[in-house]
Amino acid sequence: MKFSEIMDRDVIAEGEKIGEIKDLFIDEQEWEVTHLEIQLTKEAANEILGAKTSIRNLLAISALKKGTACCSNRGIELKLSKAQLHIYLRPHE
């Protein structure tokens, strides 16, 4: 998959859109994608983090389903529940 195909794709958890991909982060030593920068929807930001507005966060790549299961016509599918997401999120730098 090309980088351009990932940008602005929906991020899906438990069958619901929780945000969109805005950027990605690469480990300079290992040349591996480590995090996706996602713009959480206002609803998801409130439910997951208690925020009152839509915010950007970094999502650890380990939150994604493996292989082609992560990428569907709907967007990028996460392998975990919304309740578990706070473990994989960190503030945008």
N, C-alpha and C. Protein backbone atom coordinates (compact mmCIF):
# COMPACT_ATOMS: atom_id res chain seq x y z
N MET A 1 0.84 -1.17 0.00
CA MET A 1 0.00 0.00 0.00
C MET A 1 0.89 1.24 0.00
N LYS A 2 0.52 2.21 -0.80
CA LYS A 2 1.27 3.46 -0.89
C LYS A 2 0.88 4.40 0.25
N PHE A 3 1.82 5.25 0.62
CA PHE A 3 1.56 6.26 1.64
C PHE A 3 0.35 7.11 1.28
N SER A 4 0.26 7.49 0.02
CA SER A 4 -0.85 8.35 -0.43
C SER A 4 -2.21 7.65 -0.28
N GLU A 5 -2.23 6.33 -0.28
CA GLU A 5 -3.48 5.58 -0.12
C GLU A 5 -3.92 5.52 1.34
N ILE A 6 -3.00 5.77 2.25
CA ILE A 6 -3.31 5.72 3.68
C ILE A 6 -3.84 7.06 4.20
N MET A 7 -3.33 8.14 3.64
CA MET A 7 -3.70 9.47 4.11
C MET A 7 -5.21 9.70 4.03
N ASP A 8 -5.75 10.26 5.08
CA ASP A 8 -7.17 10.61 5.19
C ASP A 8 -8.12 9.41 5.19
N ARG A 9 -7.57 8.21 5.34
CA ARG A 9 -8.45 7.04 5.46
C ARG A 9 -9.08 7.03 6.84
N ASP A 10 -10.29 6.51 6.92
CA ASP A 10 -10.97 6.40 8.20
C ASP A 10 -10.29 5.36 9.07
N VAL A 11 -10.30 5.58 10.37
CA VAL A 11 -9.83 4.62 11.36
C VAL A 11 -11.07 4.07 12.04
N ILE A 12 -11.20 2.73 12.05
CA ILE A 12 -12.41 2.07 12.52
C ILE A 12 -12.09 1.23 13.76
N ALA A 13 -12.90 1.39 14.81
CA ALA A 13 -12.81 0.54 16.01
C ALA A 13 -14.22 0.10 16.36
N GLU A 14 -14.39 -1.18 16.59
CA GLU A 14 -15.70 -1.75 16.91
C GLU A 14 -16.76 -1.38 15.88
N GLY A 15 -16.34 -1.31 14.61
CA GLY A 15 -17.27 -1.02 13.53
C GLY A 15 -17.64 0.44 13.36
N GLU A 16 -17.05 1.33 14.17
CA GLU A 16 -17.37 2.75 14.10
C GLU A 16 -16.14 3.57 13.73
N LYS A 17 -16.37 4.63 12.97
CA LYS A 17 -15.28 5.55 12.64
C LYS A 17 -14.89 6.32 13.89
N ILE A 18 -13.60 6.29 14.23
CA ILE A 18 -13.13 7.05 15.39
C ILE A 18 -12.21 8.20 14.97
N GLY A 19 -11.81 8.23 13.69
CA GLY A 19 -10.95 9.31 13.23
C GLY A 19 -10.45 9.07 11.82
N GLU A 20 -9.46 9.90 11.43
CA GLU A 20 -8.82 9.80 10.11
C GLU A 20 -7.31 9.86 10.27
N ILE A 21 -6.61 9.16 9.38
CA ILE A 21 -5.15 9.19 9.38
C ILE A 21 -4.67 10.48 8.73
N LYS A 22 -3.77 11.18 9.43
CA LYS A 22 -3.23 12.44 8.93
C LYS A 22 -1.74 12.36 8.60
N ASP A 23 -1.02 11.43 9.22
CA ASP A 23 0.42 11.31 8.98
C ASP A 23 0.89 9.99 9.54
N LEU A 24 2.14 9.66 9.32
CA LEU A 24 2.73 8.47 9.94
C LEU A 24 4.13 8.78 10.41
N PHE A 25 4.59 8.00 11.39
CA PHE A 25 5.92 8.19 11.97
C PHE A 25 6.75 6.94 11.72
N ILE A 26 8.01 7.17 11.34
CA ILE A 26 8.94 6.10 11.01
C ILE A 26 10.11 6.14 11.97
N ASP A 27 10.46 4.98 12.54
CA ASP A 27 11.65 4.85 13.37
C ASP A 27 12.86 4.99 12.46
N GLU A 28 13.68 5.99 12.70
CA GLU A 28 14.82 6.28 11.82
C GLU A 28 15.90 5.20 11.88
N GLN A 29 16.00 4.50 12.99
CA GLN A 29 17.01 3.45 13.14
C GLN A 29 16.60 2.16 12.41
N GLU A 30 15.35 1.78 12.58
CA GLU A 30 14.85 0.51 12.04
C GLU A 30 14.13 0.66 10.70
N TRP A 31 13.81 1.86 10.32
CA TRP A 31 13.03 2.13 9.10
C TRP A 31 11.71 1.36 9.11
N GLU A 32 11.02 1.48 10.23
CA GLU A 32 9.70 0.87 10.38
C GLU A 32 8.69 1.94 10.78
N VAL A 33 7.48 1.79 10.28
CA VAL A 33 6.40 2.68 10.72
C VAL A 33 6.05 2.29 12.15
N THR A 34 6.08 3.26 13.06
CA THR A 34 5.80 2.98 14.47
C THR A 34 4.44 3.51 14.92
N HIS A 35 4.02 4.65 14.37
CA HIS A 35 2.77 5.27 14.80
C HIS A 35 2.05 5.91 13.61
N LEU A 36 0.74 5.98 13.73
CA LEU A 36 -0.08 6.75 12.81
C LEU A 36 -0.59 7.97 13.56
N GLU A 37 -0.51 9.11 12.93
CA GLU A 37 -1.12 10.30 13.53
C GLU A 37 -2.57 10.32 13.08
N ILE A 38 -3.49 10.31 14.04
CA ILE A 38 -4.90 10.30 13.69
C ILE A 38 -5.61 11.51 14.30
N GLN A 39 -6.55 12.01 13.53
CA GLN A 39 -7.44 13.08 14.01
C GLN A 39 -8.67 12.37 14.54
N LEU A 40 -8.81 12.30 15.86
CA LEU A 40 -9.97 11.65 16.46
C LEU A 40 -11.21 12.50 16.24
N THR A 41 -12.34 11.84 16.00
CA THR A 41 -13.59 12.57 15.94
C THR A 41 -13.89 13.14 17.33
N LYS A 42 -14.74 14.13 17.39
CA LYS A 42 -15.10 14.74 18.67
C LYS A 42 -15.69 13.69 19.61
N GLU A 43 -16.55 12.84 19.06
CA GLU A 43 -17.21 11.81 19.86
C GLU A 43 -16.20 10.80 20.40
N ALA A 44 -15.28 10.35 19.53
CA ALA A 44 -14.28 9.38 19.95
C ALA A 44 -13.32 9.98 20.97
N ALA A 45 -12.90 11.22 20.75
CA ALA A 45 -12.00 11.89 21.68
C ALA A 45 -12.64 12.00 23.06
N ASN A 46 -13.94 12.28 23.09
CA ASN A 46 -14.64 12.38 24.36
C ASN A 46 -14.77 11.02 25.03
N GLU A 47 -15.18 10.01 24.26
CA GLU A 47 -15.40 8.67 24.81
C GLU A 47 -14.11 8.02 25.28
N ILE A 48 -13.04 8.16 24.51
CA ILE A 48 -11.78 7.46 24.79
C ILE A 48 -10.90 8.23 25.77
N LEU A 49 -10.81 9.56 25.58
CA LEU A 49 -9.86 10.36 26.37
C LEU A 49 -10.52 11.39 27.28
N GLY A 50 -11.82 11.56 27.16
CA GLY A 50 -12.51 12.56 27.96
C GLY A 50 -12.32 13.98 27.46
N ALA A 51 -11.82 14.13 26.22
CA ALA A 51 -11.60 15.46 25.63
C ALA A 51 -12.93 16.02 25.12
N LYS A 52 -13.03 17.33 25.10
CA LYS A 52 -14.27 17.98 24.67
C LYS A 52 -14.28 18.32 23.19
N THR A 53 -13.12 18.24 22.53
CA THR A 53 -13.02 18.56 21.11
C THR A 53 -12.28 17.45 20.38
N SER A 54 -12.33 17.52 19.07
CA SER A 54 -11.57 16.61 18.22
C SER A 54 -10.08 16.92 18.42
N ILE A 55 -9.26 15.89 18.61
CA ILE A 55 -7.83 16.12 18.82
C ILE A 55 -7.01 15.14 17.98
N ARG A 56 -5.74 15.52 17.77
CA ARG A 56 -4.81 14.61 17.09
C ARG A 56 -4.02 13.85 18.13
N ASN A 57 -3.82 12.57 17.87
CA ASN A 57 -3.04 11.70 18.74
C ASN A 57 -2.22 10.76 17.88
N LEU A 58 -1.20 10.19 18.49
CA LEU A 58 -0.40 9.17 17.81
C LEU A 58 -0.88 7.81 18.25
N LEU A 59 -1.14 6.95 17.29
CA LEU A 59 -1.64 5.60 17.55
C LEU A 59 -0.53 4.61 17.22
N ALA A 60 -0.15 3.78 18.20
CA ALA A 60 0.87 2.76 17.97
C ALA A 60 0.42 1.80 16.88
N ILE A 61 1.34 1.47 15.99
CA ILE A 61 1.03 0.60 14.85
C ILE A 61 0.58 -0.79 15.31
N SER A 62 0.97 -1.19 16.51
CA SER A 62 0.57 -2.50 17.03
C SER A 62 -0.93 -2.61 17.28
N ALA A 63 -1.65 -1.49 17.23
CA ALA A 63 -3.10 -1.51 17.41
C ALA A 63 -3.84 -1.99 16.16
N LEU A 64 -3.13 -2.08 15.04
CA LEU A 64 -3.76 -2.49 13.78
C LEU A 64 -3.84 -4.00 13.67
N LYS A 65 -4.84 -4.46 12.95
CA LYS A 65 -4.91 -5.88 12.61
C LYS A 65 -3.77 -6.19 11.67
N LYS A 66 -3.31 -7.42 11.66
CA LYS A 66 -2.19 -7.82 10.80
C LYS A 66 -2.64 -8.05 9.36
N GLY A 67 -1.72 -7.79 8.44
CA GLY A 67 -1.92 -8.09 7.03
C GLY A 67 -3.06 -7.31 6.40
N THR A 68 -3.69 -7.93 5.43
CA THR A 68 -4.75 -7.25 4.69
C THR A 68 -6.01 -7.05 5.53
N ALA A 69 -6.11 -7.72 6.68
CA ALA A 69 -7.27 -7.55 7.54
C ALA A 69 -7.39 -6.13 8.06
N CYS A 70 -6.28 -5.40 8.11
CA CYS A 70 -6.33 -4.03 8.65
C CYS A 70 -6.94 -3.05 7.66
N CYS A 71 -6.85 -3.35 6.41
CA CYS A 71 -7.24 -2.37 5.39
C CYS A 71 -8.45 -2.86 4.61
N SER A 72 -9.60 -2.26 4.87
CA SER A 72 -10.82 -2.65 4.17
C SER A 72 -11.31 -1.46 3.35
N ASN A 73 -12.40 -1.66 2.65
CA ASN A 73 -13.00 -0.55 1.90
C ASN A 73 -13.48 0.56 2.82
N ARG A 74 -13.78 0.20 4.06
CA ARG A 74 -14.27 1.18 5.04
C ARG A 74 -13.13 2.02 5.60
N GLY A 75 -11.92 1.47 5.66
CA GLY A 75 -10.79 2.20 6.23
C GLY A 75 -9.81 1.26 6.91
N ILE A 76 -9.07 1.80 7.87
CA ILE A 76 -8.08 1.03 8.63
C ILE A 76 -8.76 0.49 9.88
N GLU A 77 -8.79 -0.84 10.00
CA GLU A 77 -9.50 -1.50 11.10
C GLU A 77 -8.53 -1.78 12.25
N LEU A 78 -8.93 -1.42 13.46
CA LEU A 78 -8.14 -1.70 14.65
C LEU A 78 -8.53 -3.04 15.23
N LYS A 79 -7.59 -3.70 15.89
CA LYS A 79 -7.83 -5.03 16.44
C LYS A 79 -8.31 -4.99 17.88
N LEU A 80 -8.56 -3.81 18.40
CA LEU A 80 -8.93 -3.69 19.80
C LEU A 80 -10.17 -2.84 19.99
N SER A 81 -10.68 -2.88 21.19
CA SER A 81 -11.90 -2.13 21.49
C SER A 81 -11.58 -0.67 21.78
N LYS A 82 -12.60 0.16 21.75
CA LYS A 82 -12.40 1.58 22.08
C LYS A 82 -11.93 1.73 23.52
N ALA A 83 -12.37 0.85 24.40
CA ALA A 83 -11.95 0.92 25.80
C ALA A 83 -10.45 0.67 25.96
N GLN A 84 -9.85 -0.09 25.05
CA GLN A 84 -8.42 -0.39 25.11
C GLN A 84 -7.56 0.66 24.41
N LEU A 85 -8.16 1.53 23.63
CA LEU A 85 -7.41 2.46 22.80
C LEU A 85 -6.49 3.40 23.56
N HIS A 86 -6.88 3.83 24.75
CA HIS A 86 -6.05 4.78 25.48
C HIS A 86 -4.64 4.23 25.75
N ILE A 87 -4.50 2.90 25.76
CA ILE A 87 -3.19 2.27 25.96
C ILE A 87 -2.29 2.52 24.76
N TYR A 88 -2.86 2.62 23.57
CA TYR A 88 -2.11 2.73 22.33
C TYR A 88 -1.98 4.17 21.82
N LEU A 89 -2.62 5.10 22.50
CA LEU A 89 -2.57 6.50 22.08
C LEU A 89 -1.59 7.30 22.93
N ARG A 90 -0.97 8.28 22.31
CA ARG A 90 -0.15 9.23 23.06
C ARG A 90 -0.33 10.60 22.41
N PRO A 91 -0.13 11.66 23.18
CA PRO A 91 -0.33 13.00 22.62
C PRO A 91 0.57 13.27 21.42
N HIS A 92 0.05 14.05 20.50
CA HIS A 92 0.82 14.49 19.34
C HIS A 92 1.94 15.40 19.81
N GLU A 93 3.13 15.23 19.25
CA GLU A 93 4.29 16.03 19.66
C GLU A 93 4.34 17.34 18.93
